[in-house]
N, C-alpha and C. Protein backbone atom coordinates (compact mmCIF):
# COMPACT_ATOMS: atom_id res chain seq x y z
N MET A 1 0.44 -1.68 22.20
CA MET A 1 1.76 -1.82 21.12
C MET A 1 1.56 -1.85 20.01
N ASP A 2 2.14 -0.77 19.43
CA ASP A 2 2.30 -0.68 17.82
C ASP A 2 2.61 -1.90 16.95
N ARG A 3 1.76 -1.90 15.88
CA ARG A 3 2.09 -2.91 14.90
C ARG A 3 2.25 -2.27 13.48
N TYR A 4 3.00 -2.81 13.10
CA TYR A 4 3.61 -2.47 11.70
C TYR A 4 3.64 -3.48 10.64
N ALA A 5 3.71 -3.09 9.33
CA ALA A 5 3.77 -4.06 8.32
C ALA A 5 4.36 -3.39 7.13
N ILE A 6 5.32 -4.18 6.32
CA ILE A 6 5.86 -3.75 4.91
C ILE A 6 5.16 -4.22 3.91
N LEU A 7 4.55 -3.33 2.97
CA LEU A 7 4.03 -3.55 2.08
C LEU A 7 4.83 -3.04 0.71
N SER A 8 4.98 -4.37 -0.28
CA SER A 8 5.73 -3.72 -1.49
C SER A 8 4.89 -4.07 -2.60
N ALA A 9 4.99 -3.21 -3.60
CA ALA A 9 3.84 -3.29 -4.95
C ALA A 9 4.67 -2.67 -6.16
N PHE A 10 4.38 -3.36 -7.30
CA PHE A 10 5.00 -2.93 -8.40
C PHE A 10 4.09 -3.25 -9.60
N GLY A 11 4.08 -2.49 -10.74
CA GLY A 11 3.29 -2.51 -11.83
C GLY A 11 3.53 -1.53 -12.86
N LEU A 12 2.91 -1.51 -13.89
CA LEU A 12 3.10 -0.33 -14.98
C LEU A 12 2.52 0.87 -14.36
N ASP A 13 3.52 1.73 -14.45
CA ASP A 13 3.23 3.08 -14.09
C ASP A 13 1.88 3.71 -14.73
N GLN A 14 1.03 4.20 -14.01
CA GLN A 14 -0.12 4.88 -14.78
C GLN A 14 -0.67 5.76 -13.73
N ILE A 15 -1.50 6.98 -14.37
CA ILE A 15 -2.08 8.00 -13.55
C ILE A 15 -2.77 7.55 -12.39
N GLY A 16 -2.63 7.82 -11.28
CA GLY A 16 -3.72 7.47 -10.14
C GLY A 16 -3.45 6.14 -9.14
N ILE A 17 -2.33 5.64 -9.48
CA ILE A 17 -2.05 4.30 -9.24
C ILE A 17 -1.72 4.53 -7.55
N ILE A 18 -0.81 5.23 -7.07
CA ILE A 18 -0.50 5.84 -5.90
C ILE A 18 -1.58 6.44 -4.99
N ALA A 19 -2.51 7.13 -5.78
CA ALA A 19 -3.67 7.62 -5.22
C ALA A 19 -4.78 6.38 -4.88
N LYS A 20 -4.76 5.41 -5.69
CA LYS A 20 -5.79 4.41 -5.33
C LYS A 20 -5.01 3.44 -3.99
N LEU A 21 -3.84 3.43 -4.12
CA LEU A 21 -3.27 2.64 -2.81
C LEU A 21 -3.44 3.31 -1.89
N SER A 22 -3.15 4.75 -1.61
CA SER A 22 -3.22 5.63 -0.45
C SER A 22 -4.56 5.62 -0.10
N GLU A 23 -5.94 5.73 -0.97
CA GLU A 23 -7.07 5.61 -0.60
C GLU A 23 -7.51 4.32 0.33
N VAL A 24 -7.42 3.32 -0.20
CA VAL A 24 -7.34 2.14 0.59
C VAL A 24 -6.54 1.84 1.71
N LEU A 25 -5.31 2.74 2.01
CA LEU A 25 -4.73 2.57 3.42
C LEU A 25 -5.41 3.52 4.06
N ALA A 26 -5.71 4.80 3.58
CA ALA A 26 -6.36 5.94 4.39
C ALA A 26 -7.90 5.31 5.09
N GLY A 27 -8.35 4.57 3.95
CA GLY A 27 -9.83 4.06 4.36
C GLY A 27 -9.70 2.93 5.50
N SER A 28 -8.59 2.29 5.83
CA SER A 28 -8.50 1.28 6.77
C SER A 28 -7.61 1.90 7.66
N ASN A 29 -7.43 3.26 7.94
CA ASN A 29 -6.78 3.80 9.07
C ASN A 29 -5.19 3.50 9.25
N CYS A 30 -4.63 3.03 8.05
CA CYS A 30 -3.16 2.63 8.37
C CYS A 30 -2.49 4.18 8.01
N ASN A 31 -1.17 4.11 8.74
CA ASN A 31 -0.58 5.52 8.27
C ASN A 31 1.00 5.01 7.61
N ILE A 32 1.36 5.78 6.61
CA ILE A 32 2.28 5.66 6.00
C ILE A 32 3.50 6.06 6.68
N GLU A 33 4.03 5.30 7.46
CA GLU A 33 5.40 5.62 8.39
C GLU A 33 6.69 6.11 7.43
N ASP A 34 7.05 5.56 6.60
CA ASP A 34 8.14 5.50 5.54
C ASP A 34 8.01 5.08 4.21
N SER A 35 8.44 5.59 3.09
CA SER A 35 8.17 4.99 1.61
C SER A 35 9.42 4.99 0.82
N ARG A 36 9.45 4.24 -0.17
CA ARG A 36 10.38 4.08 -1.30
C ARG A 36 9.38 4.02 -2.50
N ILE A 37 9.46 4.74 -3.45
CA ILE A 37 9.08 4.85 -4.46
C ILE A 37 9.81 5.11 -5.94
N THR A 38 9.81 4.42 -6.57
CA THR A 38 11.00 4.26 -7.81
C THR A 38 10.37 4.02 -9.23
N ARG A 39 10.44 4.99 -10.20
CA ARG A 39 10.16 4.39 -11.72
C ARG A 39 11.29 3.43 -12.03
N MET A 40 10.96 2.47 -12.72
CA MET A 40 12.06 1.61 -13.34
C MET A 40 11.53 1.34 -14.85
N GLY A 41 11.92 2.21 -15.52
CA GLY A 41 11.54 1.89 -16.99
C GLY A 41 9.82 2.42 -16.90
N GLN A 42 8.91 1.40 -17.53
CA GLN A 42 7.75 1.61 -17.48
C GLN A 42 7.16 1.08 -16.22
N ALA A 43 7.72 0.53 -15.24
CA ALA A 43 7.45 0.14 -14.18
C ALA A 43 7.37 1.08 -12.89
N LEU A 44 6.61 0.82 -12.08
CA LEU A 44 6.50 1.58 -10.59
C LEU A 44 6.65 0.80 -9.55
N THR A 45 7.69 0.77 -8.66
CA THR A 45 8.02 0.02 -7.54
C THR A 45 7.78 0.75 -6.39
N MET A 46 7.38 0.25 -5.19
CA MET A 46 7.22 0.83 -3.93
C MET A 46 7.17 -0.01 -2.64
N MET A 47 7.77 0.42 -1.64
CA MET A 47 7.79 -0.16 -0.36
C MET A 47 7.39 0.65 0.64
N LEU A 48 6.56 0.40 1.40
CA LEU A 48 5.71 1.20 2.20
C LEU A 48 5.86 0.52 3.79
N LEU A 49 6.22 1.47 4.42
CA LEU A 49 6.32 0.70 6.21
C LEU A 49 4.93 1.31 6.65
N LEU A 50 4.07 0.67 7.17
CA LEU A 50 2.90 1.11 7.50
C LEU A 50 2.62 0.55 9.01
N LYS A 51 2.10 1.84 9.83
CA LYS A 51 1.45 1.51 11.09
C LYS A 51 0.21 1.14 11.02
N LEU A 52 -0.10 -0.12 11.74
CA LEU A 52 -1.67 -0.43 11.33
C LEU A 52 -2.30 -0.27 12.59
N PRO A 53 -3.72 -0.01 12.29
CA PRO A 53 -4.75 0.35 13.57
C PRO A 53 -5.00 -1.03 14.36
N GLN A 54 -5.38 -0.65 15.64
CA GLN A 54 -5.89 -1.68 16.38
C GLN A 54 -7.28 -2.39 15.78
N GLY A 55 -7.23 -3.60 15.73
CA GLY A 55 -8.37 -4.42 15.04
C GLY A 55 -8.12 -4.90 13.74
N LEU A 56 -6.98 -4.24 12.96
CA LEU A 56 -6.93 -4.42 11.47
C LEU A 56 -5.80 -5.46 11.69
N ASP A 57 -5.98 -6.98 11.07
CA ASP A 57 -4.87 -7.75 10.72
C ASP A 57 -4.51 -7.66 9.58
N GLU A 58 -3.50 -8.56 9.17
CA GLU A 58 -2.74 -8.34 7.79
C GLU A 58 -3.61 -8.88 6.80
N GLY A 59 -4.20 -10.09 7.16
CA GLY A 59 -5.14 -10.51 6.48
C GLY A 59 -6.19 -9.85 5.75
N GLU A 60 -6.79 -9.14 6.74
CA GLU A 60 -7.88 -8.06 6.35
C GLU A 60 -7.26 -7.01 5.30
N LEU A 61 -6.30 -6.42 5.57
CA LEU A 61 -5.47 -5.33 4.85
C LEU A 61 -5.09 -6.12 3.48
N LEU A 62 -4.72 -7.04 3.32
CA LEU A 62 -4.55 -7.79 2.00
C LEU A 62 -5.95 -7.74 1.28
N LYS A 63 -6.92 -8.23 1.89
CA LYS A 63 -8.25 -8.56 1.40
C LYS A 63 -8.67 -6.82 0.69
N ARG A 64 -8.65 -5.93 1.65
CA ARG A 64 -9.04 -4.78 0.96
C ARG A 64 -8.14 -4.23 -0.40
N LEU A 65 -6.81 -4.74 -0.21
CA LEU A 65 -5.75 -4.38 -1.30
C LEU A 65 -6.04 -5.27 -2.72
N GLN A 66 -6.57 -6.39 -2.47
CA GLN A 66 -6.91 -7.48 -3.33
C GLN A 66 -7.45 -6.93 -4.77
N PRO A 67 -8.37 -5.97 -4.63
CA PRO A 67 -8.95 -5.33 -6.05
C PRO A 67 -8.04 -4.38 -6.95
N LEU A 68 -7.02 -3.94 -6.28
CA LEU A 68 -5.93 -3.22 -7.03
C LEU A 68 -4.91 -4.21 -7.64
N LYS A 69 -5.01 -5.39 -7.44
CA LYS A 69 -4.01 -6.25 -8.20
C LYS A 69 -4.39 -6.41 -9.76
N LYS A 70 -5.83 -6.23 -10.03
CA LYS A 70 -6.31 -5.92 -11.51
C LYS A 70 -5.59 -4.84 -12.12
N ASP A 71 -5.45 -3.55 -11.31
CA ASP A 71 -4.77 -2.49 -12.10
C ASP A 71 -3.26 -2.58 -12.39
């Protein structure tokens, strides 16, 4: 059975922010099924529908994304 998660993220728009997020997701074998990304002033907001691989739970994915919070 396929498993999905919705990831929302926002922060100051800066070069490479989408690439960094995509690297973590690809390294976790997640697939971006759908996305909405918008600039609002100097902020970047995004919502991603992710297909999760077998064996990866939401808690582990959040742990892998944690270092991006600093950026």
